[in-house]
Amino acid sequence: RFSQYQSVKVSPDGKHLAVITPIEGKNA
């Protein structure tokens, strides 16, 4: 199966993660 999160990047201060996640067939 595909992973839930793709292209994970940490914010410069390390407090947040930005991720690409598929929702209804499109990347969000």
PDB file of all heavy atoms in Angstrom:
ATOM      1  N   ARG A   1       0.835  -1.206   0.000  1.00  0.00           N
ATOM      2  CA  ARG A   1       0.000   0.000   0.000  1.00  0.00           C
ATOM      3  C   ARG A   1       0.869   1.255   0.000  1.00  0.00           C
ATOM      4  O   ARG A   1       2.035   1.240   0.355  1.00  0.00           O
ATOM      5  CB  ARG A   1      -0.922  -0.004   1.208  1.00  0.00           C
ATOM      6  CG  ARG A   1      -0.179   0.123   2.506  1.00  0.00           C
ATOM      7  CD  ARG A   1      -1.106   0.153   3.678  1.00  0.00           C
ATOM      8  NE  ARG A   1      -0.268   0.128   4.868  1.00  0.00           N
ATOM      9  CZ  ARG A   1      -0.660  -0.209   6.039  1.00  0.00           C
ATOM     10  NH1 ARG A   1      -1.895  -0.545   6.242  1.00  0.00           N
ATOM     11  NH2 ARG A   1       0.171  -0.201   7.048  1.00  0.00           N
ATOM     12  N   PHE A   2       0.262   2.370  -0.405  1.00  0.00           N
ATOM     13  CA  PHE A   2       0.963   3.638  -0.421  1.00  0.00           C
ATOM     14  C   PHE A   2       1.030   4.186   0.997  1.00  0.00           C
ATOM     15  O   PHE A   2       0.154   3.936   1.821  1.00  0.00           O
ATOM     16  CB  PHE A   2       0.231   4.653  -1.312  1.00  0.00           C
ATOM     17  CG  PHE A   2       0.332   4.320  -2.770  1.00  0.00           C
ATOM     18  CD1 PHE A   2      -0.775   3.893  -3.470  1.00  0.00           C
ATOM     19  CD2 PHE A   2       1.531   4.438  -3.424  1.00  0.00           C
ATOM     20  CE1 PHE A   2      -0.687   3.589  -4.805  1.00  0.00           C
ATOM     21  CE2 PHE A   2       1.632   4.138  -4.769  1.00  0.00           C
ATOM     22  CZ  PHE A   2       0.524   3.715  -5.460  1.00  0.00           C
ATOM     23  N   SER A   3       2.067   4.955   1.267  1.00  0.00           N
ATOM     24  CA  SER A   3       2.164   5.559   2.591  1.00  0.00           C
ATOM     25  C   SER A   3       1.158   6.698   2.699  1.00  0.00           C
ATOM     26  O   SER A   3       0.738   7.289   1.712  1.00  0.00           O
ATOM     27  CB  SER A   3       3.580   6.075   2.837  1.00  0.00           C
ATOM     28  OG  SER A   3       3.888   7.115   1.935  1.00  0.00           O
ATOM     29  N   GLN A   4       0.795   6.996   3.919  1.00  0.00           N
ATOM     30  CA  GLN A   4      -0.189   8.040   4.162  1.00  0.00           C
ATOM     31  C   GLN A   4       0.398   9.418   3.882  1.00  0.00           C
ATOM     32  O   GLN A   4      -0.282  10.298   3.394  1.00  0.00           O
ATOM     33  CB  GLN A   4      -0.658   7.967   5.616  1.00  0.00           C
ATOM     34  CG  GLN A   4      -1.714   8.962   5.977  1.00  0.00           C
ATOM     35  CD  GLN A   4      -2.149   8.820   7.424  1.00  0.00           C
ATOM     36  OE1 GLN A   4      -1.653   7.979   8.161  1.00  0.00           O
ATOM     37  NE2 GLN A   4      -3.073   9.643   7.835  1.00  0.00           N
ATOM     38  N   TYR A   5       1.669   9.607   4.184  1.00  0.00           N
ATOM     39  CA  TYR A   5       2.337  10.893   3.988  1.00  0.00           C
ATOM     40  C   TYR A   5       3.503  10.733   3.028  1.00  0.00           C
ATOM     41  O   TYR A   5       4.225   9.758   3.081  1.00  0.00           O
ATOM     42  CB  TYR A   5       2.854  11.445   5.311  1.00  0.00           C
ATOM     43  CG  TYR A   5       1.791  11.659   6.349  1.00  0.00           C
ATOM     44  CD1 TYR A   5       1.926  11.121   7.624  1.00  0.00           C
ATOM     45  CD2 TYR A   5       0.651  12.389   6.066  1.00  0.00           C
ATOM     46  CE1 TYR A   5       0.952  11.321   8.584  1.00  0.00           C
ATOM     47  CE2 TYR A   5      -0.330  12.585   7.015  1.00  0.00           C
ATOM     48  CZ  TYR A   5      -0.167  12.052   8.277  1.00  0.00           C
ATOM     49  OH  TYR A   5      -1.123  12.242   9.214  1.00  0.00           O
ATOM     50  N   GLN A   6       3.669  11.728   2.166  1.00  0.00           N
ATOM     51  CA  GLN A   6       4.778  11.746   1.217  1.00  0.00           C
ATOM     52  C   GLN A   6       5.455  13.095   1.306  1.00  0.00           C
ATOM     53  O   GLN A   6       4.844  14.076   1.745  1.00  0.00           O
ATOM     54  CB  GLN A   6       4.270  11.514  -0.204  1.00  0.00           C
ATOM     55  CG  GLN A   6       3.527  10.221  -0.377  1.00  0.00           C
ATOM     56  CD  GLN A   6       2.738  10.183  -1.672  1.00  0.00           C
ATOM     57  OE1 GLN A   6       2.667  11.153  -2.408  1.00  0.00           O
ATOM     58  NE2 GLN A   6       2.121   9.059  -1.954  1.00  0.00           N
ATOM     59  N   SER A   7       6.689  13.157   0.877  1.00  0.00           N
ATOM     60  CA  SER A   7       7.438  14.410   0.793  1.00  0.00           C
ATOM     61  C   SER A   7       7.392  15.180   2.114  1.00  0.00           C
ATOM     62  O   SER A   7       6.992  16.342   2.160  1.00  0.00           O
ATOM     63  CB  SER A   7       6.885  15.259  -0.351  1.00  0.00           C
ATOM     64  OG  SER A   7       7.670  16.405  -0.557  1.00  0.00           O
ATOM     65  N   VAL A   8       7.805  14.560   3.187  1.00  0.00           N
ATOM     66  CA  VAL A   8       7.768  15.162   4.520  1.00  0.00           C
ATOM     67  C   VAL A   8       8.925  16.136   4.670  1.00  0.00           C
ATOM     68  O   VAL A   8      10.067  15.806   4.369  1.00  0.00           O
ATOM     69  CB  VAL A   8       7.858  14.074   5.610  1.00  0.00           C
ATOM     70  CG1 VAL A   8       7.862  14.690   6.989  1.00  0.00           C
ATOM     71  CG2 VAL A   8       6.727  13.078   5.461  1.00  0.00           C
ATOM     72  N   LYS A   9       8.616  17.362   5.133  1.00  0.00           N
ATOM     73  CA  LYS A   9       9.646  18.386   5.365  1.00  0.00           C
ATOM     74  C   LYS A   9       9.402  19.052   6.711  1.00  0.00           C
ATOM     75  O   LYS A   9       8.273  19.397   7.049  1.00  0.00           O
ATOM     76  CB  LYS A   9       9.622  19.430   4.246  1.00  0.00           C
ATOM     77  CG  LYS A   9       9.978  18.838   2.897  1.00  0.00           C
ATOM     78  CD  LYS A   9       9.976  19.874   1.811  1.00  0.00           C
ATOM     79  CE  LYS A   9      10.256  19.209   0.469  1.00  0.00           C
ATOM     80  NZ  LYS A   9      10.201  20.164  -0.616  1.00  0.00           N
ATOM     81  N   VAL A  10      10.470  19.254   7.455  1.00  0.00           N
ATOM     82  CA  VAL A  10      10.401  19.866   8.785  1.00  0.00           C
ATOM     83  C   VAL A  10      10.524  21.378   8.636  1.00  0.00           C
ATOM     84  O   VAL A  10      11.329  21.876   7.847  1.00  0.00           O
ATOM     85  CB  VAL A  10      11.536  19.326   9.689  1.00  0.00           C
ATOM     86  CG1 VAL A  10      11.476  19.934  11.066  1.00  0.00           C
ATOM     87  CG2 VAL A  10      11.491  17.819   9.753  1.00  0.00           C
ATOM     88  N   SER A  11       9.731  22.119   9.417  1.00  0.00           N
ATOM     89  CA  SER A  11       9.808  23.577   9.403  1.00  0.00           C
ATOM     90  C   SER A  11      11.171  24.023   9.932  1.00  0.00           C
ATOM     91  O   SER A  11      11.836  23.276  10.662  1.00  0.00           O
ATOM     92  CB  SER A  11       8.688  24.176  10.251  1.00  0.00           C
ATOM     93  OG  SER A  11       8.872  23.849  11.610  1.00  0.00           O
ATOM     94  N   PRO A  12      11.601  25.242   9.590  1.00  0.00           N
ATOM     95  CA  PRO A  12      12.916  25.709  10.058  1.00  0.00           C
ATOM     96  C   PRO A  12      13.062  25.692  11.582  1.00  0.00           C
ATOM     97  O   PRO A  12      14.150  25.414  12.083  1.00  0.00           O
ATOM     98  CB  PRO A  12      13.002  27.138   9.519  1.00  0.00           C
ATOM     99  CG  PRO A  12      12.142  27.124   8.296  1.00  0.00           C
ATOM    100  CD  PRO A  12      11.008  26.188   8.632  1.00  0.00           C
ATOM    101  N   ASP A  13      11.988  25.948  12.342  1.00  0.00           N
ATOM    102  CA  ASP A  13      12.097  25.924  13.808  1.00  0.00           C
ATOM    103  C   ASP A  13      11.854  24.541  14.395  1.00  0.00           C
ATOM    104  O   ASP A  13      11.993  24.336  15.600  1.00  0.00           O
ATOM    105  CB  ASP A  13      11.158  26.940  14.445  1.00  0.00           C
ATOM    106  CG  ASP A  13       9.684  26.655  14.195  1.00  0.00           C
ATOM    107  OD1 ASP A  13       9.358  25.641  13.542  1.00  0.00           O
ATOM    108  OD2 ASP A  13       8.851  27.454  14.653  1.00  0.00           O
ATOM    109  N   GLY A  14      11.485  23.560  13.558  1.00  0.00           N
ATOM    110  CA  GLY A  14      11.302  22.192  14.018  1.00  0.00           C
ATOM    111  C   GLY A  14       9.982  21.930  14.724  1.00  0.00           C
ATOM    112  O   GLY A  14       9.766  20.836  15.233  1.00  0.00           O
ATOM    113  N   LYS A  15       9.055  22.880  14.742  1.00  0.00           N
ATOM    114  CA  LYS A  15       7.789  22.711  15.454  1.00  0.00           C
ATOM    115  C   LYS A  15       6.687  22.101  14.594  1.00  0.00           C
ATOM    116  O   LYS A  15       5.670  21.660  15.113  1.00  0.00           O
ATOM    117  CB  LYS A  15       7.316  24.055  16.010  1.00  0.00           C
ATOM    118  CG  LYS A  15       8.233  24.610  17.070  1.00  0.00           C
ATOM    119  CD  LYS A  15       7.713  25.921  17.611  1.00  0.00           C
ATOM    120  CE  LYS A  15       8.644  26.477  18.677  1.00  0.00           C
ATOM    121  NZ  LYS A  15       8.168  27.767  19.172  1.00  0.00           N
ATOM    122  N   HIS A  16       6.860  22.098  13.274  1.00  0.00           N
ATOM    123  CA  HIS A  16       5.825  21.593  12.376  1.00  0.00           C
ATOM    124  C   HIS A  16       6.430  20.715  11.286  1.00  0.00           C
ATOM    125  O   HIS A  16       7.596  20.860  10.937  1.00  0.00           O
ATOM    126  CB  HIS A  16       5.065  22.751  11.726  1.00  0.00           C
ATOM    127  CG  HIS A  16       4.275  23.552  12.691  1.00  0.00           C
ATOM    128  ND1 HIS A  16       4.794  24.639  13.342  1.00  0.00           N
ATOM    129  CD2 HIS A  16       3.014  23.412  13.130  1.00  0.00           C
ATOM    130  CE1 HIS A  16       3.869  25.145  14.141  1.00  0.00           C
ATOM    131  NE2 HIS A  16       2.784  24.414  14.028  1.00  0.00           N
ATOM    132  N   LEU A  17       5.597  19.839  10.748  1.00  0.00           N
ATOM    133  CA  LEU A  17       5.935  19.030   9.582  1.00  0.00           C
ATOM    134  C   LEU A  17       4.967  19.397   8.474  1.00  0.00           C
ATOM    135  O   LEU A  17       3.768  19.547   8.712  1.00  0.00           O
ATOM    136  CB  LEU A  17       5.782  17.546   9.880  1.00  0.00           C
ATOM    137  CG  LEU A  17       6.665  16.928  10.949  1.00  0.00           C
ATOM    138  CD1 LEU A  17       6.246  15.492  11.205  1.00  0.00           C
ATOM    139  CD2 LEU A  17       8.111  16.983  10.518  1.00  0.00           C
ATOM    140  N   ALA A  18       5.470  19.519   7.267  1.00  0.00           N
ATOM    141  CA  ALA A  18       4.612  19.690   6.098  1.00  0.00           C
ATOM    142  C   ALA A  18       4.677  18.384   5.320  1.00  0.00           C
ATOM    143  O   ALA A  18       5.748  17.815   5.144  1.00  0.00           O
ATOM    144  CB  ALA A  18       5.085  20.851   5.247  1.00  0.00           C
ATOM    145  N   VAL A  19       3.529  17.890   4.901  1.00  0.00           N
ATOM    146  CA  VAL A  19       3.457  16.612   4.193  1.00  0.00           C
ATOM    147  C   VAL A  19       2.480  16.710   3.035  1.00  0.00           C
ATOM    148  O   VAL A  19       1.534  17.499   3.062  1.00  0.00           O
ATOM    149  CB  VAL A  19       3.018  15.464   5.131  1.00  0.00           C
ATOM    150  CG1 VAL A  19       4.004  15.267   6.256  1.00  0.00           C
ATOM    151  CG2 VAL A  19       1.627  15.683   5.687  1.00  0.00           C
ATOM    152  N   ILE A  20       2.715  15.901   2.017  1.00  0.00           N
ATOM    153  CA  ILE A  20       1.751  15.715   0.942  1.00  0.00           C
ATOM    154  C   ILE A  20       0.966  14.458   1.293  1.00  0.00           C
ATOM    155  O   ILE A  20       1.550  13.425   1.616  1.00  0.00           O
ATOM    156  CB  ILE A  20       2.449  15.543  -0.418  1.00  0.00           C
ATOM    157  CG1 ILE A  20       3.236  16.803  -0.795  1.00  0.00           C
ATOM    158  CG2 ILE A  20       1.452  15.172  -1.509  1.00  0.00           C
ATOM    159  CD1 ILE A  20       2.391  18.000  -1.142  1.00  0.00           C
ATOM    160  N   THR A  21      -0.352  14.553   1.252  1.00  0.00           N
ATOM    161  CA  THR A  21      -1.192  13.401   1.549  1.00  0.00           C
ATOM    162  C   THR A  21      -2.302  13.309   0.499  1.00  0.00           C
ATOM    163  O   THR A  21      -2.875  14.331   0.114  1.00  0.00           O
ATOM    164  CB  THR A  21      -1.778  13.492   2.974  1.00  0.00           C
ATOM    165  OG1 THR A  21      -2.514  12.315   3.263  1.00  0.00           O
ATOM    166  CG2 THR A  21      -2.648  14.705   3.159  1.00  0.00           C
ATOM    167  N   PRO A  22      -2.585  12.130  -0.009  1.00  0.00           N
ATOM    168  CA  PRO A  22      -3.644  11.998  -1.010  1.00  0.00           C
ATOM    169  C   PRO A  22      -5.027  12.055  -0.359  1.00  0.00           C
ATOM    170  O   PRO A  22      -5.283  11.364   0.621  1.00  0.00           O
ATOM    171  CB  PRO A  22      -3.382  10.629  -1.642  1.00  0.00           C
ATOM    172  CG  PRO A  22      -2.603   9.871  -0.630  1.00  0.00           C
ATOM    173  CD  PRO A  22      -1.863  10.872   0.192  1.00  0.00           C
ATOM    174  N   ILE A  23      -5.882  12.909  -0.899  1.00  0.00           N
ATOM    175  CA  ILE A  23      -7.264  13.013  -0.444  1.00  0.00           C
ATOM    176  C   ILE A  23      -8.144  12.982  -1.684  1.00  0.00           C
ATOM    177  O   ILE A  23      -8.022  13.851  -2.549  1.00  0.00           O
ATOM    178  CB  ILE A  23      -7.513  14.304   0.365  1.00  0.00           C
ATOM    179  CG1 ILE A  23      -6.641  14.329   1.617  1.00  0.00           C
ATOM    180  CG2 ILE A  23      -8.990  14.436   0.729  1.00  0.00           C
ATOM    181  CD1 ILE A  23      -6.742  15.618   2.413  1.00  0.00           C
ATOM    182  N   GLU A  24      -9.002  11.987  -1.775  1.00  0.00           N
ATOM    183  CA  GLU A  24      -9.919  11.820  -2.899  1.00  0.00           C
ATOM    184  C   GLU A  24      -9.184  11.845  -4.243  1.00  0.00           C
ATOM    185  O   GLU A  24      -9.612  12.495  -5.189  1.00  0.00           O
ATOM    186  CB  GLU A  24     -11.015  12.874  -2.852  1.00  0.00           C
ATOM    187  CG  GLU A  24     -11.900  12.757  -1.627  1.00  0.00           C
ATOM    188  CD  GLU A  24     -12.950  13.855  -1.545  1.00  0.00           C
ATOM    189  OE1 GLU A  24     -13.040  14.689  -2.477  1.00  0.00           O
ATOM    190  OE2 GLU A  24     -13.667  13.878  -0.535  1.00  0.00           O
ATOM    191  N   GLY A  25      -8.018  11.192  -4.312  1.00  0.00           N
ATOM    192  CA  GLY A  25      -7.295  11.064  -5.565  1.00  0.00           C
ATOM    193  C   GLY A  25      -6.421  12.237  -5.954  1.00  0.00           C
ATOM    194  O   GLY A  25      -5.814  12.222  -7.020  1.00  0.00           O
ATOM    195  N   LYS A  26      -6.360  13.275  -5.118  1.00  0.00           N
ATOM    196  CA  LYS A  26      -5.516  14.435  -5.417  1.00  0.00           C
ATOM    197  C   LYS A  26      -4.611  14.720  -4.222  1.00  0.00           C
ATOM    198  O   LYS A  26      -4.971  14.446  -3.078  1.00  0.00           O
ATOM    199  CB  LYS A  26      -6.370  15.665  -5.719  1.00  0.00           C
ATOM    200  CG  LYS A  26      -7.256  15.505  -6.919  1.00  0.00           C
ATOM    201  CD  LYS A  26      -7.941  16.792  -7.311  1.00  0.00           C
ATOM    202  CE  LYS A  26      -8.706  17.407  -6.164  1.00  0.00           C
ATOM    203  NZ  LYS A  26      -9.423  18.617  -6.519  1.00  0.00           N
ATOM    204  N   ASN A  27      -3.435  15.287  -4.497  1.00  0.00           N
ATOM    205  CA  ASN A  27      -2.499  15.623  -3.436  1.00  0.00           C
ATOM    206  C   ASN A  27      -2.927  16.888  -2.706  1.00  0.00           C
ATOM    207  O   ASN A  27      -3.248  17.893  -3.328  1.00  0.00           O
ATOM    208  CB  ASN A  27      -1.087  15.838  -3.994  1.00  0.00           C
ATOM    209  CG  ASN A  27      -0.458  14.560  -4.474  1.00  0.00           C
ATOM    210  OD1 ASN A  27      -0.879  13.472  -4.091  1.00  0.00           O
ATOM    211  ND2 ASN A  27       0.540  14.675  -5.320  1.00  0.00           N
ATOM    212  N   ALA A  28      -2.918  16.813  -1.379  1.00  0.00           N
ATOM    213  CA  ALA A  28      -3.194  17.959  -0.528  1.00  0.00           C
ATOM    214  C   ALA A  28      -1.969  18.206   0.340  1.00  0.00           C
ATOM    215  O   ALA A  28      -1.163  17.296   0.573  1.00  0.00           O
ATOM    216  CB  ALA A  28      -4.416  17.704   0.342  1.00  0.00           C
TER     217      ALA A  28
END
